[in-house]
């Protein structure tokens, strides 16, 4: 679960929390609301995508691969050779395949932060809280936590503006370990083959479907 959380809650924040206080000015509060609406609108329209990514783990290790998205419910991370690990969400479960061990672990999507970006009715409210929103490093940065357990970790999304484009994310897990993912060459409105989002163990050749 720790690995899934770091990789998927899907990982980008070089940024410390900066929540608005109750004494914030009316102008600042209005801008806060406007920015949230802007991000919500963009994410709601992000139905499918493909991008190259660079993942940086808490120990400085960098891995490169391709990210695929099909909302609602589906995504895939494939790493370039020689790494054979992969992550796939099939609409019900999210799987992490560890090639070194030849094993997979999985969890219901709804129990991971990946659920936020994969759900059909995406909203920056309810069970997800906006902890902070600010502009830094040429990015609009939105930090999110789970309303039911804010201490479990956080997900920060980084967007380029003009036009709005998801550029990176960072996951901080409950132990403070950080994983970042930066996206390159993002393409949207992609038609993916359906079997791309089916878990299939490389050594078995047998797909696993969730009806």
N, C-alpha and C. Protein backbone atom coordinates (compact mmCIF):
# COMPACT_ATOMS: atom_id res chain seq x y z
N UNK A 1 0.82 -1.20 0.00
CA UNK A 1 0.00 0.00 0.00
C UNK A 1 0.86 1.26 0.00
N UNK A 2 1.98 1.25 0.72
CA UNK A 2 2.85 2.42 0.73
C UNK A 2 3.36 2.70 -0.68
N UNK A 3 3.76 1.64 -1.38
CA UNK A 3 4.26 1.82 -2.74
C UNK A 3 3.17 2.34 -3.65
N UNK A 4 1.98 1.76 -3.53
CA UNK A 4 0.86 2.22 -4.36
C UNK A 4 0.57 3.69 -4.10
N UNK A 5 0.55 4.07 -2.84
CA UNK A 5 0.22 5.44 -2.48
C UNK A 5 1.22 6.40 -3.09
N UNK A 6 2.51 6.05 -2.99
CA UNK A 6 3.55 6.95 -3.48
C UNK A 6 3.53 7.04 -4.99
N UNK A 7 3.28 5.93 -5.67
CA UNK A 7 3.33 5.95 -7.12
C UNK A 7 2.06 6.56 -7.71
N UNK A 8 0.92 6.24 -7.09
CA UNK A 8 -0.32 6.54 -7.75
C UNK A 8 -1.05 7.77 -7.29
N UNK A 9 -0.94 8.04 -6.09
CA UNK A 9 -1.79 9.11 -5.69
C UNK A 9 -1.20 10.30 -6.28
N UNK A 10 -1.09 8.86 -7.48
CA UNK A 10 -0.54 9.13 -8.72
C UNK A 10 0.14 10.25 -8.71
N UNK A 11 1.94 12.19 -7.99
CA UNK A 11 3.11 12.42 -7.16
C UNK A 11 3.92 13.64 -7.58
N UNK A 12 3.62 14.90 -7.05
CA UNK A 12 4.38 16.11 -7.41
C UNK A 12 4.24 17.27 -6.45
N UNK A 13 5.06 17.58 -5.50
CA UNK A 13 4.99 18.78 -4.69
C UNK A 13 6.33 19.18 -4.12
N UNK A 14 7.01 20.12 -4.66
CA UNK A 14 8.25 20.63 -4.09
C UNK A 14 7.90 21.75 -3.14
N UNK A 15 6.67 21.69 -2.63
CA UNK A 15 6.10 22.88 -2.04
C UNK A 15 5.58 22.62 -0.64
N UNK A 16 5.83 23.51 0.27
CA UNK A 16 5.31 23.39 1.63
C UNK A 16 3.87 23.87 1.68
N UNK A 17 3.06 23.37 2.65
CA UNK A 17 1.66 23.77 2.74
C UNK A 17 1.52 25.27 2.94
N UNK A 18 0.49 25.83 2.33
CA UNK A 18 0.19 27.24 2.48
C UNK A 18 -1.32 27.43 2.45
N UNK A 19 -1.99 26.94 3.48
CA UNK A 19 -3.44 27.02 3.53
C UNK A 19 -3.88 28.45 3.81
N UNK A 20 -5.01 28.85 3.25
CA UNK A 20 -5.56 30.17 3.53
C UNK A 20 -6.09 30.23 4.96
N UNK A 21 -5.77 31.25 5.67
CA UNK A 21 -6.28 31.41 7.02
C UNK A 21 -7.65 32.07 7.00
N UNK A 22 -8.34 32.02 8.14
CA UNK A 22 -9.66 32.62 8.21
C UNK A 22 -9.59 34.13 8.13
N UNK A 23 -8.40 34.70 8.29
CA UNK A 23 -8.25 36.14 8.21
C UNK A 23 -7.89 36.62 6.82
N UNK A 24 -7.86 35.67 5.84
CA UNK A 24 -7.50 36.03 4.48
C UNK A 24 -8.46 37.09 3.95
N UNK A 25 -7.94 37.96 3.09
CA UNK A 25 -8.76 39.03 2.56
C UNK A 25 -9.83 38.47 1.65
N UNK A 26 -10.89 39.26 1.44
CA UNK A 26 -11.98 38.82 0.56
C UNK A 26 -11.46 38.62 -0.85
N UNK A 27 -10.53 39.49 -1.29
CA UNK A 27 -9.98 39.38 -2.63
C UNK A 27 -9.22 38.07 -2.79
N UNK A 28 -8.44 37.72 -1.78
CA UNK A 28 -7.66 36.49 -1.84
C UNK A 28 -8.56 35.26 -1.81
N UNK A 29 -9.59 35.31 -1.00
CA UNK A 29 -10.53 34.21 -0.93
C UNK A 29 -11.25 34.02 -2.26
N UNK A 30 -11.62 35.12 -2.90
CA UNK A 30 -12.27 35.04 -4.19
C UNK A 30 -11.34 34.41 -5.23
N UNK A 31 -10.08 34.78 -5.21
CA UNK A 31 -9.11 34.20 -6.14
C UNK A 31 -8.93 32.71 -5.87
N UNK A 32 -8.92 32.34 -4.60
CA UNK A 32 -8.83 30.94 -4.19
C UNK A 32 -9.96 30.14 -4.82
N UNK A 33 -11.18 30.63 -4.71
CA UNK A 33 -12.35 29.95 -5.26
C UNK A 33 -12.27 29.87 -6.79
N UNK A 34 -11.81 30.95 -7.41
CA UNK A 34 -11.70 30.96 -8.86
C UNK A 34 -10.68 29.93 -9.35
N UNK A 35 -9.57 29.83 -8.65
CA UNK A 35 -8.54 28.87 -9.04
C UNK A 35 -9.03 27.44 -8.90
N UNK A 36 -9.75 27.16 -7.82
CA UNK A 36 -10.30 25.82 -7.63
C UNK A 36 -11.26 25.48 -8.77
N UNK A 37 -12.12 26.42 -9.14
CA UNK A 37 -13.06 26.19 -10.23
C UNK A 37 -12.33 25.93 -11.55
N UNK A 38 -11.23 26.65 -11.76
CA UNK A 38 -10.43 26.48 -12.98
C UNK A 38 -9.83 25.09 -13.05
N UNK A 39 -9.28 24.63 -11.92
CA UNK A 39 -8.66 23.30 -11.87
C UNK A 39 -9.73 22.21 -12.02
N UNK A 40 -10.85 22.36 -11.34
CA UNK A 40 -11.94 21.38 -11.45
C UNK A 40 -12.39 21.24 -12.90
N UNK A 41 -12.58 22.37 -13.57
CA UNK A 41 -13.06 22.35 -14.96
C UNK A 41 -12.07 21.61 -15.86
N UNK A 42 -10.78 21.87 -15.66
CA UNK A 42 -9.77 21.21 -16.47
C UNK A 42 -9.77 19.70 -16.24
N UNK A 43 -9.76 19.30 -14.97
CA UNK A 43 -9.69 17.87 -14.65
C UNK A 43 -10.94 17.12 -15.09
N UNK A 44 -12.09 17.76 -14.96
CA UNK A 44 -13.34 17.12 -15.39
C UNK A 44 -13.33 16.84 -16.89
N UNK A 45 -12.62 17.68 -17.64
CA UNK A 45 -12.54 17.50 -19.09
C UNK A 45 -11.41 16.61 -19.54
N UNK A 46 -10.59 16.14 -18.61
CA UNK A 46 -9.46 15.29 -18.94
C UNK A 46 -9.92 13.83 -18.97
N UNK A 47 -10.52 13.45 -20.07
CA UNK A 47 -11.11 12.11 -20.16
C UNK A 47 -10.09 11.05 -20.54
N UNK A 48 -9.11 11.40 -21.34
CA UNK A 48 -8.08 10.44 -21.72
C UNK A 48 -6.79 11.19 -22.02
N UNK A 49 -5.67 10.52 -21.75
CA UNK A 49 -4.38 11.17 -21.95
C UNK A 49 -3.27 10.14 -22.06
N UNK A 50 -2.16 10.60 -22.64
CA UNK A 50 -0.93 9.81 -22.68
C UNK A 50 0.24 10.78 -22.55
N UNK A 51 1.24 10.38 -21.78
CA UNK A 51 2.40 11.25 -21.59
C UNK A 51 3.62 10.43 -21.21
N UNK A 52 4.77 10.95 -21.51
CA UNK A 52 6.00 10.41 -20.95
C UNK A 52 6.15 10.98 -19.55
N UNK A 53 6.81 10.22 -18.66
CA UNK A 53 6.98 10.72 -17.31
C UNK A 53 8.37 10.38 -16.78
N UNK A 54 8.81 11.20 -15.83
CA UNK A 54 10.00 10.93 -15.03
C UNK A 54 9.55 10.87 -13.58
N UNK A 55 9.77 9.75 -12.94
CA UNK A 55 9.40 9.55 -11.54
C UNK A 55 10.65 9.62 -10.67
N UNK A 56 10.59 10.45 -9.65
CA UNK A 56 11.69 10.57 -8.70
C UNK A 56 11.21 10.13 -7.34
N UNK A 57 11.84 9.10 -6.78
CA UNK A 57 11.42 8.56 -5.49
C UNK A 57 12.14 9.28 -4.36
N UNK A 58 11.76 8.96 -3.12
CA UNK A 58 12.28 9.67 -1.96
C UNK A 58 13.79 9.53 -1.79
N UNK A 59 14.38 8.48 -2.36
CA UNK A 59 15.83 8.29 -2.23
C UNK A 59 16.60 8.83 -3.43
N UNK A 60 15.91 9.56 -4.31
CA UNK A 60 16.57 10.18 -5.45
C UNK A 60 16.60 9.33 -6.70
N UNK A 61 16.12 8.09 -6.63
CA UNK A 61 16.08 7.22 -7.81
C UNK A 61 15.11 7.78 -8.84
N UNK A 62 15.53 7.80 -10.10
CA UNK A 62 14.67 8.28 -11.17
C UNK A 62 14.35 7.15 -12.15
N UNK A 63 13.09 7.04 -12.50
CA UNK A 63 12.62 6.07 -13.47
C UNK A 63 11.83 6.79 -14.55
N UNK A 64 11.87 6.26 -15.76
CA UNK A 64 11.23 6.89 -16.91
C UNK A 64 10.23 5.91 -17.51
N UNK A 65 9.12 6.44 -18.02
CA UNK A 65 8.14 5.55 -18.63
C UNK A 65 7.03 6.32 -19.31
N UNK A 66 5.92 5.62 -19.53
CA UNK A 66 4.75 6.20 -20.20
C UNK A 66 3.53 6.05 -19.31
N UNK A 67 2.76 7.12 -19.23
CA UNK A 67 1.55 7.18 -18.41
C UNK A 67 0.34 7.23 -19.34
N UNK A 68 -0.68 6.43 -19.01
CA UNK A 68 -1.92 6.39 -19.78
C UNK A 68 -3.10 6.64 -18.84
N UNK A 69 -4.07 7.39 -19.29
CA UNK A 69 -5.25 7.69 -18.49
C UNK A 69 -6.51 7.51 -19.32
N UNK A 70 -7.50 6.87 -18.72
CA UNK A 70 -8.82 6.76 -19.33
C UNK A 70 -9.85 6.91 -18.22
N UNK A 71 -10.43 8.09 -18.08
CA UNK A 71 -11.43 8.31 -17.04
C UNK A 71 -12.82 7.96 -17.57
N UNK A 72 -13.66 7.40 -16.67
CA UNK A 72 -13.38 7.16 -15.26
C UNK A 72 -12.70 5.80 -15.02
N UNK A 73 -11.88 5.77 -13.99
CA UNK A 73 -11.45 4.50 -13.41
C UNK A 73 -10.18 3.85 -13.91
N UNK A 74 -9.58 4.33 -15.00
CA UNK A 74 -8.49 3.54 -15.57
C UNK A 74 -7.23 4.37 -15.79
N UNK A 75 -6.10 3.73 -15.48
CA UNK A 75 -4.81 4.33 -15.77
C UNK A 75 -3.77 3.23 -15.87
N UNK A 76 -2.61 3.60 -16.38
CA UNK A 76 -1.50 2.65 -16.46
C UNK A 76 -0.18 3.43 -16.45
N UNK A 77 0.79 2.92 -15.68
CA UNK A 77 2.16 3.38 -15.70
C UNK A 77 3.03 2.23 -16.20
N UNK A 78 3.74 2.45 -17.28
CA UNK A 78 4.69 1.47 -17.79
C UNK A 78 6.08 2.08 -17.76
N UNK A 79 7.04 1.35 -17.18
CA UNK A 79 8.41 1.84 -17.09
C UNK A 79 9.23 1.34 -18.26
N UNK A 80 10.18 2.17 -18.68
CA UNK A 80 11.07 1.77 -19.77
C UNK A 80 11.99 0.64 -19.31
N UNK A 81 12.45 -0.15 -20.27
CA UNK A 81 13.43 -1.19 -19.99
C UNK A 81 14.67 -0.60 -19.33
N UNK A 82 15.28 -1.30 -18.40
CA UNK A 82 15.04 -2.72 -18.09
C UNK A 82 13.99 -2.95 -16.99
N UNK A 83 13.32 -1.90 -16.50
CA UNK A 83 12.33 -2.04 -15.43
C UNK A 83 11.07 -2.69 -15.99
N UNK A 84 10.63 -3.75 -15.36
CA UNK A 84 9.44 -4.47 -15.81
C UNK A 84 8.24 -4.24 -14.90
N UNK A 85 8.41 -3.43 -13.85
CA UNK A 85 7.28 -3.10 -12.98
C UNK A 85 6.24 -2.31 -13.77
N UNK A 86 5.00 -2.40 -13.35
CA UNK A 86 3.96 -1.55 -13.92
C UNK A 86 2.83 -1.38 -12.93
N UNK A 87 2.04 -0.37 -13.15
CA UNK A 87 0.85 -0.08 -12.35
C UNK A 87 -0.33 0.03 -13.30
N UNK A 88 -1.45 -0.59 -12.95
CA UNK A 88 -2.63 -0.50 -13.79
C UNK A 88 -3.88 -0.45 -12.92
N UNK A 89 -4.80 0.42 -13.29
CA UNK A 89 -6.11 0.49 -12.65
C UNK A 89 -7.14 0.11 -13.71
N UNK A 90 -7.98 -0.84 -13.37
CA UNK A 90 -8.92 -1.40 -14.36
C UNK A 90 -10.36 -0.93 -14.19
N UNK A 91 -10.56 0.06 -13.34
CA UNK A 91 -11.91 0.55 -13.10
C UNK A 91 -12.45 0.11 -11.76
N UNK A 92 -11.84 -0.93 -11.18
CA UNK A 92 -12.27 -1.45 -9.87
C UNK A 92 -11.10 -1.50 -8.90
N UNK A 93 -10.02 -2.15 -9.33
CA UNK A 93 -8.83 -2.29 -8.51
C UNK A 93 -7.64 -1.58 -9.16
N UNK A 94 -6.66 -1.26 -8.34
CA UNK A 94 -5.40 -0.75 -8.84
C UNK A 94 -4.32 -1.74 -8.43
N UNK A 95 -3.49 -2.14 -9.39
CA UNK A 95 -2.49 -3.18 -9.20
C UNK A 95 -1.09 -2.61 -9.36
N UNK A 96 -0.17 -3.11 -8.56
CA UNK A 96 1.25 -2.83 -8.74
C UNK A 96 1.97 -4.15 -8.92
N UNK A 97 2.62 -4.31 -10.07
CA UNK A 97 3.37 -5.53 -10.34
C UNK A 97 4.85 -5.29 -10.05
N UNK A 98 5.41 -6.09 -9.14
CA UNK A 98 6.82 -6.04 -8.77
C UNK A 98 7.54 -7.16 -9.51
N UNK A 99 8.27 -6.78 -10.56
CA UNK A 99 8.91 -7.78 -11.41
C UNK A 99 10.01 -8.53 -10.67
N UNK A 100 10.69 -7.86 -9.76
CA UNK A 100 11.79 -8.50 -9.03
C UNK A 100 11.27 -9.66 -8.18
N UNK A 101 10.11 -9.45 -7.57
CA UNK A 101 9.50 -10.49 -6.75
C UNK A 101 8.57 -11.40 -7.55
N UNK A 102 8.17 -10.95 -8.74
CA UNK A 102 7.21 -11.70 -9.53
C UNK A 102 5.84 -11.73 -8.88
N UNK A 103 5.50 -10.65 -8.17
CA UNK A 103 4.25 -10.60 -7.42
C UNK A 103 3.52 -9.29 -7.69
N UNK A 104 2.22 -9.32 -7.45
CA UNK A 104 1.43 -8.09 -7.53
C UNK A 104 0.71 -7.84 -6.22
N UNK A 105 0.53 -6.58 -5.92
CA UNK A 105 -0.33 -6.17 -4.81
C UNK A 105 -1.43 -5.31 -5.40
N UNK A 106 -2.57 -5.29 -4.74
CA UNK A 106 -3.68 -4.52 -5.28
C UNK A 106 -4.53 -3.95 -4.16
N UNK A 107 -5.35 -3.00 -4.51
CA UNK A 107 -6.28 -2.38 -3.58
C UNK A 107 -7.45 -1.81 -4.37
N UNK A 108 -8.63 -1.75 -3.77
CA UNK A 108 -9.74 -1.06 -4.44
C UNK A 108 -9.35 0.39 -4.72
N UNK A 109 -9.68 0.87 -5.89
CA UNK A 109 -9.31 2.23 -6.27
C UNK A 109 -9.80 3.24 -5.23
N UNK A 110 -10.99 3.00 -4.69
CA UNK A 110 -11.57 3.93 -3.72
C UNK A 110 -10.80 4.06 -2.44
N UNK A 111 -9.84 3.15 -2.19
CA UNK A 111 -9.02 3.23 -0.98
C UNK A 111 -7.68 3.91 -1.23
N UNK A 112 -7.48 4.46 -2.41
CA UNK A 112 -6.24 5.16 -2.73
C UNK A 112 -6.56 6.58 -3.18
N UNK A 113 -5.53 7.43 -3.12
CA UNK A 113 -5.72 8.80 -3.61
C UNK A 113 -5.91 8.83 -5.12
N UNK A 114 -5.56 7.74 -5.82
CA UNK A 114 -5.79 7.70 -7.25
C UNK A 114 -7.28 7.86 -7.57
N UNK A 115 -8.11 7.47 -6.63
CA UNK A 115 -9.56 7.58 -6.81
C UNK A 115 -9.98 9.00 -7.13
N UNK A 116 -9.26 9.97 -6.57
CA UNK A 116 -9.63 11.37 -6.79
C UNK A 116 -9.64 11.72 -8.27
N UNK A 117 -8.57 11.37 -8.97
CA UNK A 117 -8.47 11.77 -10.38
C UNK A 117 -9.19 10.81 -11.32
N UNK A 118 -9.51 9.61 -10.81
CA UNK A 118 -10.14 8.60 -11.67
C UNK A 118 -11.67 8.59 -11.57
N UNK A 119 -12.21 9.22 -10.55
CA UNK A 119 -13.67 9.14 -10.37
C UNK A 119 -14.41 9.89 -11.48
N UNK A 120 -15.61 9.45 -11.74
CA UNK A 120 -16.42 10.07 -12.80
C UNK A 120 -16.81 11.48 -12.44
N UNK A 121 -17.29 11.68 -11.21
CA UNK A 121 -17.72 13.01 -10.77
C UNK A 121 -16.60 13.61 -9.93
N UNK A 122 -15.68 14.26 -10.59
CA UNK A 122 -14.50 14.81 -9.93
C UNK A 122 -14.82 16.16 -9.33
N UNK A 123 -14.48 16.32 -8.04
CA UNK A 123 -14.75 17.58 -7.35
C UNK A 123 -13.69 17.82 -6.29
N UNK A 124 -13.26 19.06 -6.16
CA UNK A 124 -12.28 19.43 -5.14
C UNK A 124 -13.00 19.80 -3.85
N UNK A 125 -13.84 18.90 -3.40
CA UNK A 125 -14.60 19.11 -2.17
C UNK A 125 -15.09 17.75 -1.68
N UNK A 126 -15.85 17.76 -0.58
CA UNK A 126 -16.37 16.50 -0.07
C UNK A 126 -15.30 15.72 0.66
N UNK A 127 -14.98 14.52 0.16
CA UNK A 127 -14.00 13.68 0.84
C UNK A 127 -12.56 14.07 0.52
N UNK A 128 -12.39 15.07 -0.37
CA UNK A 128 -11.07 15.61 -0.68
C UNK A 128 -11.06 17.08 -0.28
N UNK A 129 -10.02 17.49 0.46
CA UNK A 129 -9.91 18.87 0.90
C UNK A 129 -8.74 19.56 0.21
N UNK A 130 -8.94 20.81 -0.21
CA UNK A 130 -7.86 21.63 -0.73
C UNK A 130 -7.12 22.23 0.45
N UNK A 131 -5.93 21.71 0.72
CA UNK A 131 -5.13 22.18 1.83
C UNK A 131 -4.48 23.51 1.53
N UNK A 132 -4.07 23.71 0.28
CA UNK A 132 -3.46 24.97 -0.13
C UNK A 132 -3.49 25.09 -1.63
N UNK A 133 -3.37 26.32 -2.10
CA UNK A 133 -3.28 26.59 -3.54
C UNK A 133 -2.43 27.84 -3.71
N UNK A 134 -1.44 27.73 -4.57
CA UNK A 134 -0.56 28.89 -4.78
C UNK A 134 0.19 28.74 -6.10
N UNK A 135 0.84 29.79 -6.51
CA UNK A 135 1.66 29.80 -7.72
C UNK A 135 3.12 29.90 -7.34
N UNK A 136 3.90 28.97 -7.87
CA UNK A 136 5.33 28.96 -7.62
C UNK A 136 6.02 28.15 -8.70
N UNK A 137 7.19 28.60 -9.12
CA UNK A 137 7.92 27.87 -10.15
C UNK A 137 7.16 27.77 -11.45
N UNK A 138 6.41 28.82 -11.81
CA UNK A 138 5.62 28.86 -13.05
C UNK A 138 4.50 27.84 -13.08
N UNK A 139 4.11 27.33 -11.91
CA UNK A 139 3.02 26.36 -11.84
C UNK A 139 1.95 26.81 -10.85
N UNK A 140 0.71 26.49 -11.15
CA UNK A 140 -0.38 26.59 -10.20
C UNK A 140 -0.38 25.28 -9.42
N UNK A 141 -0.17 25.35 -8.11
CA UNK A 141 0.02 24.17 -7.29
C UNK A 141 -1.16 24.00 -6.33
N UNK A 142 -1.79 22.85 -6.39
CA UNK A 142 -2.97 22.57 -5.57
C UNK A 142 -2.67 21.36 -4.69
N UNK A 143 -2.66 21.56 -3.38
CA UNK A 143 -2.36 20.49 -2.45
C UNK A 143 -3.66 19.92 -1.87
N UNK A 144 -3.80 18.59 -1.96
CA UNK A 144 -5.02 17.91 -1.55
C UNK A 144 -4.73 16.90 -0.45
N UNK A 145 -5.69 16.74 0.45
CA UNK A 145 -5.62 15.70 1.48
C UNK A 145 -6.98 15.02 1.56
N UNK A 146 -7.01 13.84 2.16
CA UNK A 146 -8.26 13.14 2.37
C UNK A 146 -8.96 13.74 3.59
N UNK A 147 -10.23 14.10 3.43
CA UNK A 147 -10.96 14.76 4.52
C UNK A 147 -11.04 13.88 5.76
N UNK A 148 -11.16 12.58 5.56
CA UNK A 148 -11.33 11.67 6.69
C UNK A 148 -10.03 11.40 7.44
N UNK A 149 -8.89 11.65 6.78
CA UNK A 149 -7.60 11.35 7.41
C UNK A 149 -6.51 12.24 6.81
N UNK A 150 -6.51 13.53 7.15
CA UNK A 150 -5.55 14.47 6.56
C UNK A 150 -4.10 14.10 6.83
N UNK A 151 -3.84 13.36 7.90
CA UNK A 151 -2.47 13.01 8.25
C UNK A 151 -1.94 11.81 7.45
N UNK A 152 -2.80 11.18 6.65
CA UNK A 152 -2.40 9.99 5.91
C UNK A 152 -1.46 10.32 4.76
N UNK A 153 -1.38 11.58 4.38
CA UNK A 153 -0.53 11.99 3.28
C UNK A 153 -1.20 13.07 2.46
N UNK A 154 -0.52 13.49 1.42
CA UNK A 154 -1.08 14.55 0.58
C UNK A 154 -0.70 14.33 -0.87
N UNK A 155 -1.49 14.91 -1.73
CA UNK A 155 -1.26 14.90 -3.17
C UNK A 155 -1.27 16.34 -3.64
N UNK A 156 -0.20 16.77 -4.29
CA UNK A 156 -0.16 18.11 -4.86
C UNK A 156 -0.04 18.01 -6.37
N UNK A 157 -0.95 18.65 -7.05
CA UNK A 157 -0.96 18.70 -8.51
C UNK A 157 -0.37 20.02 -8.96
N UNK A 158 0.49 19.98 -9.98
CA UNK A 158 1.08 21.18 -10.54
C UNK A 158 0.63 21.38 -11.97
N UNK A 159 0.11 22.58 -12.28
CA UNK A 159 -0.44 22.88 -13.60
C UNK A 159 0.28 24.05 -14.24
N UNK A 160 0.60 23.91 -15.52
CA UNK A 160 0.97 25.07 -16.31
C UNK A 160 -0.32 25.79 -16.68
N UNK A 161 -0.22 27.11 -16.87
CA UNK A 161 -1.39 27.89 -17.24
C UNK A 161 -1.19 28.50 -18.62
N UNK A 162 -2.30 28.66 -19.35
CA UNK A 162 -2.26 29.31 -20.65
C UNK A 162 -1.61 28.51 -21.75
N UNK A 163 -2.17 27.37 -22.15
CA UNK A 163 -3.39 26.76 -21.62
C UNK A 163 -3.12 25.89 -20.39
N UNK A 164 -4.18 25.62 -19.65
CA UNK A 164 -4.08 24.78 -18.47
C UNK A 164 -3.65 23.38 -18.88
N UNK A 165 -2.57 22.89 -18.24
CA UNK A 165 -2.02 21.57 -18.56
C UNK A 165 -1.46 20.94 -17.30
N UNK A 166 -1.84 19.69 -17.02
CA UNK A 166 -1.27 18.98 -15.89
C UNK A 166 0.19 18.68 -16.21
N UNK A 167 1.09 19.16 -15.34
CA UNK A 167 2.52 19.06 -15.59
C UNK A 167 3.22 18.10 -14.63
N UNK A 168 2.79 18.06 -13.39
CA UNK A 168 3.48 17.20 -12.43
C UNK A 168 2.60 16.99 -11.21
N UNK A 169 2.98 16.03 -10.40
CA UNK A 169 2.34 15.86 -9.11
C UNK A 169 3.35 15.29 -8.13
N UNK A 170 3.03 15.45 -6.86
CA UNK A 170 3.88 14.91 -5.80
C UNK A 170 3.01 14.28 -4.74
N UNK A 171 3.39 13.10 -4.30
CA UNK A 171 2.71 12.42 -3.20
C UNK A 171 3.64 12.41 -2.00
N UNK A 172 3.11 12.79 -0.86
CA UNK A 172 3.79 12.62 0.42
C UNK A 172 2.96 11.64 1.23
N UNK A 173 3.54 10.51 1.60
CA UNK A 173 2.76 9.52 2.33
C UNK A 173 2.78 9.81 3.83
N UNK A 174 2.10 8.96 4.59
CA UNK A 174 1.96 9.19 6.02
C UNK A 174 3.27 9.17 6.78
N UNK A 175 4.33 8.59 6.18
CA UNK A 175 5.65 8.56 6.81
C UNK A 175 6.53 9.71 6.33
N UNK A 176 5.97 10.56 5.49
CA UNK A 176 6.73 11.70 4.99
C UNK A 176 7.58 11.40 3.77
N UNK A 177 7.47 10.20 3.22
CA UNK A 177 8.23 9.85 2.02
C UNK A 177 7.58 10.49 0.79
N UNK A 178 8.43 11.00 -0.08
CA UNK A 178 7.96 11.79 -1.22
C UNK A 178 8.26 11.08 -2.53
N UNK A 179 7.30 11.09 -3.41
CA UNK A 179 7.50 10.63 -4.79
C UNK A 179 6.97 11.72 -5.72
N UNK A 180 7.76 12.06 -6.72
CA UNK A 180 7.35 13.06 -7.69
C UNK A 180 7.25 12.45 -9.08
N UNK A 181 6.30 12.92 -9.84
CA UNK A 181 6.16 12.53 -11.24
C UNK A 181 6.01 13.79 -12.07
N UNK A 182 6.86 13.93 -13.08
CA UNK A 182 6.75 15.06 -14.01
C UNK A 182 6.38 14.52 -15.39
N UNK A 183 5.40 15.16 -16.02
CA UNK A 183 4.89 14.72 -17.32
C UNK A 183 5.49 15.53 -18.46
N UNK A 184 5.70 14.85 -19.58
CA UNK A 184 6.22 15.48 -20.79
C UNK A 184 5.41 14.99 -21.99
N UNK A 185 5.25 15.88 -22.97
CA UNK A 185 4.57 15.53 -24.22
C UNK A 185 3.17 14.98 -23.95
N UNK A 186 2.43 15.66 -23.08
CA UNK A 186 1.08 15.22 -22.74
C UNK A 186 0.15 15.38 -23.94
N UNK A 187 -0.51 14.30 -24.30
CA UNK A 187 -1.51 14.31 -25.36
C UNK A 187 -2.86 13.92 -24.75
N UNK A 188 -3.91 14.62 -25.11
CA UNK A 188 -5.24 14.34 -24.57
C UNK A 188 -6.16 13.85 -25.69
N UNK A 189 -7.35 13.39 -25.26
CA UNK A 189 -8.34 12.86 -26.20
C UNK A 189 -7.75 11.72 -27.04
N UNK A 190 -7.09 10.79 -26.32
CA UNK A 190 -6.46 9.64 -26.95
C UNK A 190 -7.41 8.44 -26.90
N UNK A 191 -7.46 7.68 -27.98
CA UNK A 191 -8.24 6.44 -27.98
C UNK A 191 -7.30 5.29 -27.66
N UNK A 192 -7.46 4.70 -26.46
CA UNK A 192 -6.58 3.63 -26.02
C UNK A 192 -7.21 2.27 -26.32
N UNK A 193 -6.38 1.25 -26.59
CA UNK A 193 -6.93 -0.12 -26.69
C UNK A 193 -7.43 -0.56 -25.33
N UNK A 194 -8.55 -1.27 -25.28
CA UNK A 194 -9.19 -1.62 -24.02
C UNK A 194 -8.31 -2.52 -23.15
N UNK A 195 -7.50 -3.39 -23.76
CA UNK A 195 -6.70 -4.30 -22.96
C UNK A 195 -5.52 -3.63 -22.28
N UNK A 196 -5.29 -2.35 -22.58
CA UNK A 196 -4.21 -1.60 -21.93
C UNK A 196 -4.46 -1.49 -20.43
N UNK A 197 -5.73 -1.53 -20.03
CA UNK A 197 -6.09 -1.31 -18.63
C UNK A 197 -6.57 -2.58 -17.94
N UNK A 198 -6.10 -3.70 -18.42
CA UNK A 198 -6.39 -5.01 -17.82
C UNK A 198 -5.11 -5.51 -17.16
N UNK A 199 -5.19 -5.94 -15.90
CA UNK A 199 -4.01 -6.51 -15.27
C UNK A 199 -3.70 -7.88 -15.86
N UNK A 200 -2.46 -8.03 -16.28
CA UNK A 200 -2.01 -9.31 -16.83
C UNK A 200 -0.59 -9.55 -16.34
N UNK A 201 -0.38 -10.60 -15.58
CA UNK A 201 0.95 -10.92 -15.08
C UNK A 201 1.84 -11.32 -16.26
N UNK A 202 3.01 -10.70 -16.38
CA UNK A 202 3.88 -10.99 -17.54
C UNK A 202 4.24 -12.45 -17.69
N UNK A 203 4.36 -13.20 -16.59
CA UNK A 203 4.79 -14.58 -16.69
C UNK A 203 3.64 -15.55 -16.97
N UNK A 204 2.40 -15.08 -16.79
CA UNK A 204 1.27 -15.99 -16.94
C UNK A 204 0.58 -15.84 -18.30
N UNK A 205 0.57 -14.61 -18.81
CA UNK A 205 -0.14 -14.37 -20.05
C UNK A 205 -1.63 -14.40 -19.89
N UNK A 206 -2.11 -14.58 -18.65
CA UNK A 206 -3.54 -14.66 -18.41
C UNK A 206 -4.05 -13.34 -17.86
N UNK A 207 -4.97 -12.67 -18.55
CA UNK A 207 -5.50 -11.41 -18.06
C UNK A 207 -6.43 -11.63 -16.86
N UNK A 208 -6.51 -10.60 -16.03
CA UNK A 208 -7.43 -10.64 -14.88
C UNK A 208 -8.45 -9.54 -15.09
N UNK A 209 -9.72 -9.92 -15.21
CA UNK A 209 -10.79 -8.96 -15.43
C UNK A 209 -11.62 -8.78 -14.18
N UNK A 210 -12.09 -7.56 -13.98
CA UNK A 210 -13.08 -7.30 -12.95
C UNK A 210 -14.35 -6.84 -13.64
N UNK A 211 -15.38 -7.61 -13.51
CA UNK A 211 -16.64 -7.28 -14.16
C UNK A 211 -17.38 -6.21 -13.38
